[in-house]
Amino acid sequence: MNLSFSFLNKLALVSSPAKELKQKNKIHDYSQQVCGSDYVFERLNEGMIGYMTGIGKGIKPGDRIILQEGYESYQYQVEEIDYYSDPSDMWIALLKQVLVD
């Protein structure tokens, strides 16, 4: 019985980091910013993927970005991101659209 309890405790420790990783992904809302002046978004594959250049710190792969086009808002997941050296908060990212229920 102690062996089972010990195994379950270790299993909980192993699964905890996965939960922490999921919680660390952030959502960055760019829906109130103006496309073309605050950021640039180049749609590819009918908008399912795209490249975005913007300004902001702390954006990393796995995070999501909310963009608005007209009255519709869309969520994209950051697949890859590279920061410029100057200015250091400017970046370019490959985004993949996420369908939200």
Protein backbone atom coordinates (compact mmCIF):
# COMPACT_ATOMS: atom_id res chain seq x y z
CA MET A 1 0.00 0.00 0.00
CA ASN A 2 2.85 2.41 0.78
CA LEU A 3 4.42 1.62 -2.56
CA SER A 4 1.26 2.67 -4.43
CA PHE A 5 0.96 5.86 -2.42
CA SER A 6 4.63 6.68 -3.08
CA PHE A 7 4.20 6.03 -6.80
CA LEU A 8 1.14 8.30 -6.97
CA ASN A 9 3.04 11.08 -5.19
CA LYS A 10 5.89 10.82 -7.70
CA LEU A 11 3.43 10.76 -10.59
CA ALA A 12 1.88 13.99 -9.30
CA LEU A 13 5.33 15.61 -9.22
CA VAL A 14 6.01 14.56 -12.79
CA SER A 15 2.70 15.93 -14.10
CA SER A 16 2.95 19.26 -12.24
CA PRO A 17 5.53 20.89 -14.55
CA ALA A 18 3.27 20.24 -17.55
CA LYS A 19 0.46 22.15 -15.86
CA GLU A 20 2.84 25.02 -15.08
CA LEU A 21 3.93 25.23 -18.72
CA LYS A 22 0.33 25.53 -19.88
CA GLN A 23 -0.31 28.34 -17.40
CA LYS A 24 2.75 30.32 -18.52
CA ASN A 25 1.41 30.87 -22.04
CA LYS A 26 -0.06 34.36 -22.21
CA ILE A 27 -2.61 36.10 -24.40
CA HIS A 28 -1.50 39.42 -25.88
CA ASP A 29 -4.36 41.64 -27.06
CA TYR A 30 -3.52 43.70 -30.14
CA SER A 31 -7.19 44.15 -31.12
CA GLN A 32 -7.23 47.83 -30.13
CA GLN A 33 -4.07 48.62 -32.09
CA VAL A 34 -4.09 49.76 -35.71
CA CYS A 35 -2.81 47.38 -38.37
CA GLY A 36 -0.31 49.18 -40.60
CA SER A 37 0.84 51.69 -38.00
CA ASP A 38 1.09 49.80 -34.66
CA TYR A 39 1.89 46.44 -36.23
CA VAL A 40 2.03 44.72 -39.62
CA PHE A 41 0.30 41.40 -40.30
CA GLU A 42 0.84 39.54 -43.56
CA ARG A 43 -1.82 36.87 -44.06
CA LEU A 44 -0.87 33.61 -45.75
CA ASN A 45 -2.93 30.53 -46.58
CA GLU A 46 -6.25 32.41 -46.40
CA GLY A 47 -5.37 33.83 -42.99
CA MET A 48 -4.70 30.48 -41.33
CA ILE A 49 -1.07 31.49 -40.85
CA GLY A 50 0.75 34.76 -41.15
CA TYR A 51 3.77 36.84 -40.27
CA MET A 52 3.40 39.68 -37.82
CA THR A 53 5.85 42.42 -36.95
CA GLY A 54 5.08 44.29 -33.76
CA ILE A 55 6.35 45.85 -30.59
CA GLY A 56 6.07 44.33 -27.14
CA LYS A 57 8.18 42.45 -24.63
CA GLY A 58 7.73 38.99 -23.23
CA ILE A 59 6.01 37.36 -26.19
CA LYS A 60 7.19 33.79 -26.71
CA PRO A 61 6.27 30.64 -28.66
CA GLY A 62 3.01 29.15 -27.42
CA ASP A 63 1.56 32.53 -26.47
CA ARG A 64 -1.52 33.79 -28.27
CA ILE A 65 -2.16 37.10 -29.98
CA ILE A 66 -5.61 38.60 -30.52
CA LEU A 67 -6.03 40.63 -33.71
CA GLN A 68 -9.11 42.39 -35.02
CA GLU A 69 -10.19 42.86 -38.62
CA GLY A 70 -13.35 44.92 -38.93
CA TYR A 71 -15.76 43.61 -36.32
CA GLU A 72 -14.19 40.15 -36.20
CA SER A 73 -11.43 39.19 -33.79
CA TYR A 74 -9.05 36.30 -34.35
CA GLN A 75 -6.61 34.43 -32.11
CA TYR A 76 -3.25 33.29 -33.35
CA GLN A 77 -0.69 31.12 -31.61
CA VAL A 78 2.94 32.21 -31.80
CA GLU A 79 4.81 29.38 -33.54
CA GLU A 80 8.19 31.15 -33.85
CA ILE A 81 9.37 34.60 -32.80
CA ASP A 82 12.58 36.57 -33.30
CA TYR A 83 13.35 39.85 -31.56
CA TYR A 84 15.27 42.61 -33.30
CA SER A 85 18.44 43.87 -31.64
CA ASP A 86 17.40 47.52 -32.05
CA PRO A 87 14.81 48.33 -30.88
CA SER A 88 14.93 45.34 -28.54
CA ASP A 89 11.16 45.14 -28.05
CA MET A 90 10.42 44.85 -31.79
CA TRP A 91 9.82 41.37 -33.16
CA ILE A 92 8.68 39.29 -36.11
CA ALA A 93 6.67 36.12 -35.55
CA LEU A 94 5.12 33.26 -37.44
CA LEU A 95 1.52 32.90 -36.26
CA LYS A 96 -1.00 30.09 -36.72
CA GLN A 97 -4.71 30.81 -36.36
CA VAL A 98 -6.45 29.12 -33.45
CA LEU A 99 -10.17 28.47 -33.74
CA VAL A 100 -11.90 29.59 -30.54
CA ASP A 101 -15.37 28.30 -29.64
